[in-house]
């Protein structure tokens, strides 16, 4: 893999990438003699996406996904023996799944992200709350004052966990939809968790994922089902109607999710978590939302 800079496990953009993320970012080293209490205070200064077990009783909390949820999802993936398999987590934020992959024998392992890393999460929370109080849709993060792709204000979370775990998982700060895939390389396993429904072009996004996946990809997305409509359907949210988030665009049902993965270049798709048990009230045809997981395999 050709890279422009590399230090402390962080890749700062492949040659020719546009734009170059994290030009002013520098890793903040953890003190070697830091006590568990000191580390817990340090990681708890902000909220995380993933609650990661850093050892010695320290967890990256508060977090959106608890370590129990991460472990449950990892079990759902059902990978089996991962020894020597390469894995790339696209949109992996704090690296919770990537660290589990490394601990399960994967090598090399990397997280490719730019969007959340470029966001000052605390500042955006204030912007979001103020917009909701004013009765308006919050701006998309990249259209807000909290956006700073030069300093990557949230990458420190991944870096802190990496150092605390003495991990070799790498960070690749690139826009997956804009970067040169030749620089990303190919990986045995890819993770595409919680990303698809944020894409304006979900088919184009999955074609790019398929292009760098050698064996399989685990895809998680917001999904929906409408009673009486098993055919492939998508819900479109043009103006932040889903959770007041202007980056939520397309939500598929399970037929559409399986179909788009095969159309993108995967040979076979296994549903790992599909539609929940249905209500007895068949007269209610309103869309119901849930989180779907599928395994997209390159071979049929």
Protein backbone atom coordinates (compact mmCIF):
# COMPACT_ATOMS: atom_id res chain seq x y z
CA UNK A 1 0.00 0.00 0.00
CA UNK A 2 1.41 3.34 -1.04
CA UNK A 3 1.02 6.03 1.60
CA UNK A 4 2.11 9.58 1.96
CA UNK A 5 3.02 9.56 5.66
CA UNK A 6 2.95 6.97 8.39
CA UNK A 7 3.60 7.22 12.10
CA UNK A 8 2.12 5.89 15.32
CA UNK A 9 -0.06 3.49 13.34
CA UNK A 10 -1.88 6.24 11.45
CA UNK A 11 -1.79 6.58 7.67
CA UNK A 12 -2.09 10.15 6.53
CA UNK A 13 -3.48 9.82 3.06
CA UNK A 14 -2.30 8.00 -0.05
CA UNK A 15 -0.38 9.93 -2.67
CA UNK A 16 -2.76 11.73 -4.97
CA UNK A 17 -5.77 11.48 -2.64
CA UNK A 18 -8.14 14.44 -2.66
CA UNK A 19 -8.60 15.92 -0.19
CA UNK A 20 -5.86 15.00 2.27
CA UNK A 21 -7.40 14.46 5.70
CA UNK A 22 -5.61 15.07 8.97
CA UNK A 23 -2.74 17.23 7.79
CA UNK A 24 -2.47 18.91 11.19
CA UNK A 25 -3.36 15.85 13.27
CA UNK A 26 -0.76 14.43 15.66
CA UNK A 27 -1.14 11.45 17.95
CA UNK A 28 -1.40 12.31 21.64
CA UNK A 29 0.80 9.72 23.38
CA UNK A 30 -0.55 8.02 26.47
CA UNK A 31 1.72 8.29 29.53
CA UNK A 32 3.44 4.97 30.21
CA UNK A 33 2.80 5.13 33.95
CA UNK A 34 -0.90 6.01 33.61
CA UNK A 35 -3.07 4.34 36.25
CA UNK A 36 -6.38 2.68 35.31
CA UNK A 37 -8.18 5.49 37.13
CA UNK A 38 -6.31 8.13 35.13
CA UNK A 39 -7.04 6.34 31.84
CA UNK A 40 -10.73 6.00 32.71
CA UNK A 41 -10.97 9.73 33.42
CA UNK A 42 -9.15 10.47 30.17
CA UNK A 43 -11.41 8.37 27.94
CA UNK A 44 -14.59 9.47 29.74
CA UNK A 45 -14.12 13.14 28.85
CA UNK A 46 -16.42 12.60 25.85
CA UNK A 47 -18.91 10.04 24.56
CA UNK A 48 -17.79 7.25 22.20
CA UNK A 49 -19.43 5.26 19.44
CA UNK A 50 -17.99 1.97 20.75
CA UNK A 51 -17.52 0.86 24.34
CA UNK A 52 -14.12 -0.83 24.10
CA UNK A 53 -12.61 -2.95 26.85
CA UNK A 54 -9.13 -1.47 27.33
CA UNK A 55 -8.21 -3.90 30.09
CA UNK A 56 -7.56 -3.31 33.79
CA UNK A 57 -11.27 -2.54 34.22
CA UNK A 58 -11.23 0.46 31.87
CA UNK A 59 -13.94 0.93 29.23
CA UNK A 60 -14.43 3.70 26.70
CA UNK A 61 -17.71 4.96 28.04
CA UNK A 62 -20.25 6.44 27.77
CA UNK A 63 -20.82 4.93 24.33
CA UNK A 64 -23.59 4.35 21.80
CA UNK A 65 -22.78 0.64 21.41
CA UNK A 66 -21.90 -1.21 24.60
CA UNK A 67 -19.16 -3.83 24.66
CA UNK A 68 -21.91 -6.43 25.10
CA UNK A 69 -23.51 -5.31 21.83
CA UNK A 70 -20.14 -5.39 20.06
CA UNK A 71 -19.56 -8.94 21.31
CA UNK A 72 -23.07 -10.01 20.31
CA UNK A 73 -22.61 -8.60 16.81
CA UNK A 74 -19.19 -10.24 16.48
CA UNK A 75 -20.71 -13.59 17.37
CA UNK A 76 -23.47 -13.00 14.81
CA UNK A 77 -20.87 -12.52 12.08
CA UNK A 78 -19.82 -16.17 12.58
CA UNK A 79 -16.43 -15.82 10.94
CA UNK A 80 -14.82 -18.98 12.28
CA UNK A 81 -11.02 -19.18 12.07
CA UNK A 82 -9.65 -15.75 11.15
CA UNK A 83 -5.96 -16.51 11.53
CA UNK A 84 -4.01 -14.54 8.95
CA UNK A 85 -7.08 -12.97 7.32
CA UNK A 86 -6.88 -9.30 6.42
CA UNK A 87 -9.80 -7.10 7.48
CA UNK A 88 -10.82 -3.53 6.69
CA UNK A 89 -13.58 -1.79 8.65
CA UNK A 90 -15.02 0.95 6.42
CA UNK A 91 -16.52 3.70 8.55
CA UNK A 92 -15.24 2.01 11.70
CA UNK A 93 -14.99 5.18 13.85
CA UNK A 94 -13.53 4.13 17.24
CA UNK A 95 -12.34 0.73 16.01
CA UNK A 96 -14.36 -1.50 18.31
CA UNK A 97 -14.92 -4.19 15.68
CA UNK A 98 -11.42 -3.85 14.24
CA UNK A 99 -9.83 -4.52 17.62
CA UNK A 100 -12.02 -7.61 18.02
CA UNK A 101 -10.81 -8.75 14.60
CA UNK A 102 -7.18 -8.32 15.61
CA UNK A 103 -7.78 -10.19 18.86
CA UNK A 104 -9.37 -12.99 16.80
CA UNK A 105 -6.26 -13.45 14.68
CA UNK A 106 -6.81 -11.12 11.72
CA UNK A 107 -3.73 -9.44 10.26
CA UNK A 108 -3.41 -6.85 8.93
CA UNK A 109 -6.39 -4.90 10.22
CA UNK A 110 -7.31 -1.30 9.45
CA UNK A 111 -10.12 1.21 9.94
CA UNK A 112 -10.93 3.50 7.03
CA UNK A 113 -12.94 6.55 8.00
CA UNK A 114 -13.01 10.29 7.64
CA UNK A 115 -16.52 11.48 8.37
CA UNK A 116 -16.84 11.07 12.12
CA UNK A 117 -13.11 11.63 12.62
CA UNK A 118 -13.51 15.06 10.94
CA UNK A 119 -16.27 16.05 13.34
CA UNK A 120 -15.96 17.81 16.68
CA UNK A 121 -18.62 15.61 18.25
CA UNK A 122 -19.20 17.77 21.31
CA UNK A 123 -19.63 20.91 19.22
CA UNK A 124 -21.95 19.13 16.81
CA UNK A 125 -24.08 17.89 19.71
CA UNK A 126 -24.62 21.50 20.71
CA UNK A 127 -25.49 22.47 17.12
CA UNK A 128 -27.87 19.53 16.85
CA UNK A 129 -29.63 20.30 20.13
CA UNK A 130 -29.99 24.00 19.27
CA UNK A 131 -31.54 23.11 15.90
CA UNK A 132 -34.03 20.71 17.47
CA UNK A 133 -35.02 23.32 20.07
CA UNK A 134 -35.54 25.84 17.24
CA UNK A 135 -37.74 23.38 15.36
CA UNK A 136 -35.37 23.06 12.40
CA UNK A 137 -33.53 20.12 10.86
CA UNK A 138 -29.90 20.10 12.07
CA UNK A 139 -27.32 20.72 9.36
CA UNK A 140 -25.35 17.76 8.06
CA UNK A 141 -22.09 17.47 10.01
CA UNK A 142 -19.97 18.40 6.99
CA UNK A 143 -22.08 21.54 6.51
CA UNK A 144 -21.69 22.67 10.13
CA UNK A 145 -19.15 24.66 12.12
CA UNK A 146 -18.12 21.40 13.84
CA UNK A 147 -16.48 20.04 10.66
CA UNK A 148 -12.67 20.07 10.62
CA UNK A 149 -11.09 17.50 8.25
CA UNK A 150 -7.67 19.07 8.72
CA UNK A 151 -7.36 18.36 12.45
CA UNK A 152 -9.60 15.24 12.68
CA UNK A 153 -10.86 16.15 16.18
CA UNK A 154 -12.38 12.72 16.88
CA UNK A 155 -9.53 10.47 15.68
CA UNK A 156 -7.95 10.71 19.13
CA UNK A 157 -10.50 8.18 20.38
CA UNK A 158 -9.31 5.44 18.01
CA UNK A 159 -5.69 6.40 18.71
CA UNK A 160 -6.20 6.22 22.45
CA UNK A 161 -7.76 2.75 22.29
CA UNK A 162 -5.03 1.58 19.91
CA UNK A 163 -2.30 2.68 22.29
CA UNK A 164 -4.02 1.32 25.40
CA UNK A 165 -4.43 -2.07 23.70
CA UNK A 166 -0.91 -2.02 22.24
CA UNK A 167 -2.64 -2.68 18.94
CA UNK A 168 -1.29 -2.71 15.40
CA UNK A 169 -4.64 -1.78 13.83
CA UNK A 170 -4.06 1.09 11.41
CA UNK A 171 -6.18 4.16 10.74
CA UNK A 172 -6.72 5.24 7.13
CA UNK A 173 -8.33 8.69 7.05
CA UNK A 174 -9.85 8.79 3.58
CA UNK A 175 -13.26 9.39 2.04
CA UNK A 176 -14.06 5.92 0.74
CA UNK A 177 -16.29 7.31 -2.00
CA UNK A 178 -13.66 9.76 -3.23
CA UNK A 179 -10.35 7.94 -2.80
CA UNK A 180 -8.30 5.89 -5.26
CA UNK A 181 -9.22 2.27 -4.49
CA UNK A 182 -5.85 1.12 -5.77
CA UNK A 183 -4.35 2.85 -2.76
CA UNK A 184 -6.78 1.14 -0.36
CA UNK A 185 -5.88 -2.30 -1.72
CA UNK A 186 -7.91 -5.50 -1.41
CA UNK A 187 -8.88 -7.21 1.82
CA UNK A 188 -10.10 -10.71 2.63
CA UNK A 189 -12.92 -9.37 4.79
CA UNK A 190 -14.58 -5.98 4.85
CA UNK A 191 -17.05 -4.53 7.33
CA UNK A 192 -19.60 -1.97 6.16
CA UNK A 193 -21.57 -1.33 9.32
CA UNK A 194 -24.08 1.50 9.66
CA UNK A 195 -22.89 3.24 6.50
CA UNK A 196 -25.06 2.21 3.54
CA UNK A 197 -28.15 4.26 4.42
CA UNK A 198 -25.98 7.39 4.66
CA UNK A 199 -24.92 7.05 1.01
CA UNK A 200 -26.56 9.17 -1.69
CA UNK A 201 -25.55 6.44 -4.16
CA UNK A 202 -25.85 3.12 -2.30
CA UNK A 203 -25.28 0.98 -5.41
CA UNK A 204 -22.13 2.89 -6.31
CA UNK A 205 -20.93 2.58 -2.72
CA UNK A 206 -21.41 -1.20 -2.63
CA UNK A 207 -19.70 -1.59 -6.00
CA UNK A 208 -16.65 0.07 -4.48
CA UNK A 209 -16.87 -2.21 -1.43
CA UNK A 210 -17.12 -5.28 -3.66
CA UNK A 211 -14.10 -4.13 -5.66
CA UNK A 212 -11.81 -4.30 -2.62
CA UNK A 213 -13.32 -7.42 -1.00
CA UNK A 214 -11.66 -10.77 -1.70
CA UNK A 215 -13.95 -13.07 0.29
CA UNK A 216 -16.83 -11.53 2.22
CA UNK A 217 -18.34 -8.33 3.55
CA UNK A 218 -20.61 -7.90 6.55
CA UNK A 219 -23.17 -5.18 5.83
CA UNK A 220 -25.32 -3.62 8.54
CA UNK A 221 -27.87 -0.95 7.72
CA UNK A 222 -31.05 0.71 8.85
CA UNK A 223 -33.78 -1.35 7.20
CA UNK A 224 -37.56 -1.44 6.98
CA UNK A 225 -40.39 -3.78 6.12
CA UNK A 226 -43.92 -3.08 4.98
CA UNK A 227 -46.52 -5.81 5.60
CA UNK A 228 -47.76 -7.30 2.35
CA UNK A 229 -44.85 -6.01 0.28
CA UNK A 230 -42.05 -8.59 -0.03
CA UNK A 231 -40.74 -7.06 -3.27
CA UNK A 232 -37.56 -4.98 -3.22
CA UNK A 233 -38.37 -1.50 -1.88
CA UNK A 234 -36.45 1.54 -0.68
CA UNK A 235 -37.60 4.47 1.43
CA UNK A 236 -36.07 7.82 0.49
CA UNK A 237 -35.58 10.58 3.07
CA UNK A 238 -34.80 13.82 1.21
CA UNK A 239 -34.60 16.25 4.13
CA UNK A 240 -33.55 14.62 7.38
CA UNK A 241 -36.93 13.05 8.15
CA UNK A 242 -35.25 9.95 9.62
CA UNK A 243 -34.02 10.81 13.13
CA UNK A 244 -33.51 14.47 12.19
CA UNK A 245 -30.34 13.43 10.37
CA UNK A 246 -29.71 15.07 6.99
CA UNK A 247 -27.24 12.30 6.11
CA UNK A 248 -29.87 9.53 6.26
CA UNK A 249 -30.95 8.97 2.66
CA UNK A 250 -31.98 5.45 1.60
CA UNK A 251 -33.45 2.62 3.72
CA UNK A 252 -34.05 -0.79 2.05
CA UNK A 253 -36.20 -3.73 2.92
CA UNK A 254 -34.41 -7.07 3.12
CA UNK A 255 -35.19 -7.98 -0.51
CA UNK A 256 -33.70 -4.69 -1.70
CA UNK A 257 -30.62 -5.15 0.49
CA UNK A 258 -29.96 -8.64 -0.88
CA UNK A 259 -30.62 -7.41 -4.40
CA UNK A 260 -28.32 -4.41 -4.26
CA UNK A 261 -25.47 -6.51 -2.87
CA UNK A 262 -25.71 -8.97 -5.76
CA UNK A 263 -26.05 -6.13 -8.26
CA UNK A 264 -22.89 -4.59 -6.81
CA UNK A 265 -20.83 -7.67 -7.59
CA UNK A 266 -21.25 -10.11 -4.72
CA UNK A 267 -22.05 -13.67 -5.74
CA UNK A 268 -24.24 -14.72 -2.81
CA UNK A 269 -25.86 -13.01 0.16
CA UNK A 270 -26.78 -14.59 3.49
CA UNK A 271 -29.22 -12.83 5.81
CA UNK A 272 -27.76 -12.83 9.33
CA UNK A 273 -30.47 -10.71 10.92
CA UNK A 274 -33.59 -9.93 8.91
CA UNK A 275 -37.10 -8.77 9.56
CA UNK A 276 -38.27 -9.00 13.17
CA UNK A 277 -41.30 -11.06 14.09
CA UNK A 278 -44.32 -9.52 12.52
CA UNK A 279 -47.33 -8.03 14.23
CA UNK A 280 -50.59 -9.93 14.06
CA UNK A 281 -52.28 -6.74 12.83
CA UNK A 282 -51.96 -7.16 9.05
CA UNK A 283 -54.12 -4.10 8.45
CA UNK A 284 -51.28 -1.84 9.62
CA UNK A 285 -49.17 -1.35 6.50
CA UNK A 286 -46.95 1.43 7.85
CA UNK A 287 -43.19 0.86 7.44
CA UNK A 288 -41.41 -0.67 10.48
CA UNK A 289 -37.72 -0.01 10.93
CA UNK A 290 -34.99 -2.28 12.31
CA UNK A 291 -31.27 -3.01 11.79
CA UNK A 292 -30.46 -5.67 9.19
CA UNK A 293 -27.21 -7.63 8.88
CA UNK A 294 -26.17 -9.63 5.81
CA UNK A 295 -23.05 -11.49 4.73
CA UNK A 296 -22.17 -10.73 1.09
CA UNK A 297 -19.83 -13.32 -0.40
CA UNK A 298 -17.78 -12.86 -3.53
CA UNK A 299 -18.29 -16.50 -4.59
CA UNK A 300 -21.68 -18.06 -5.27
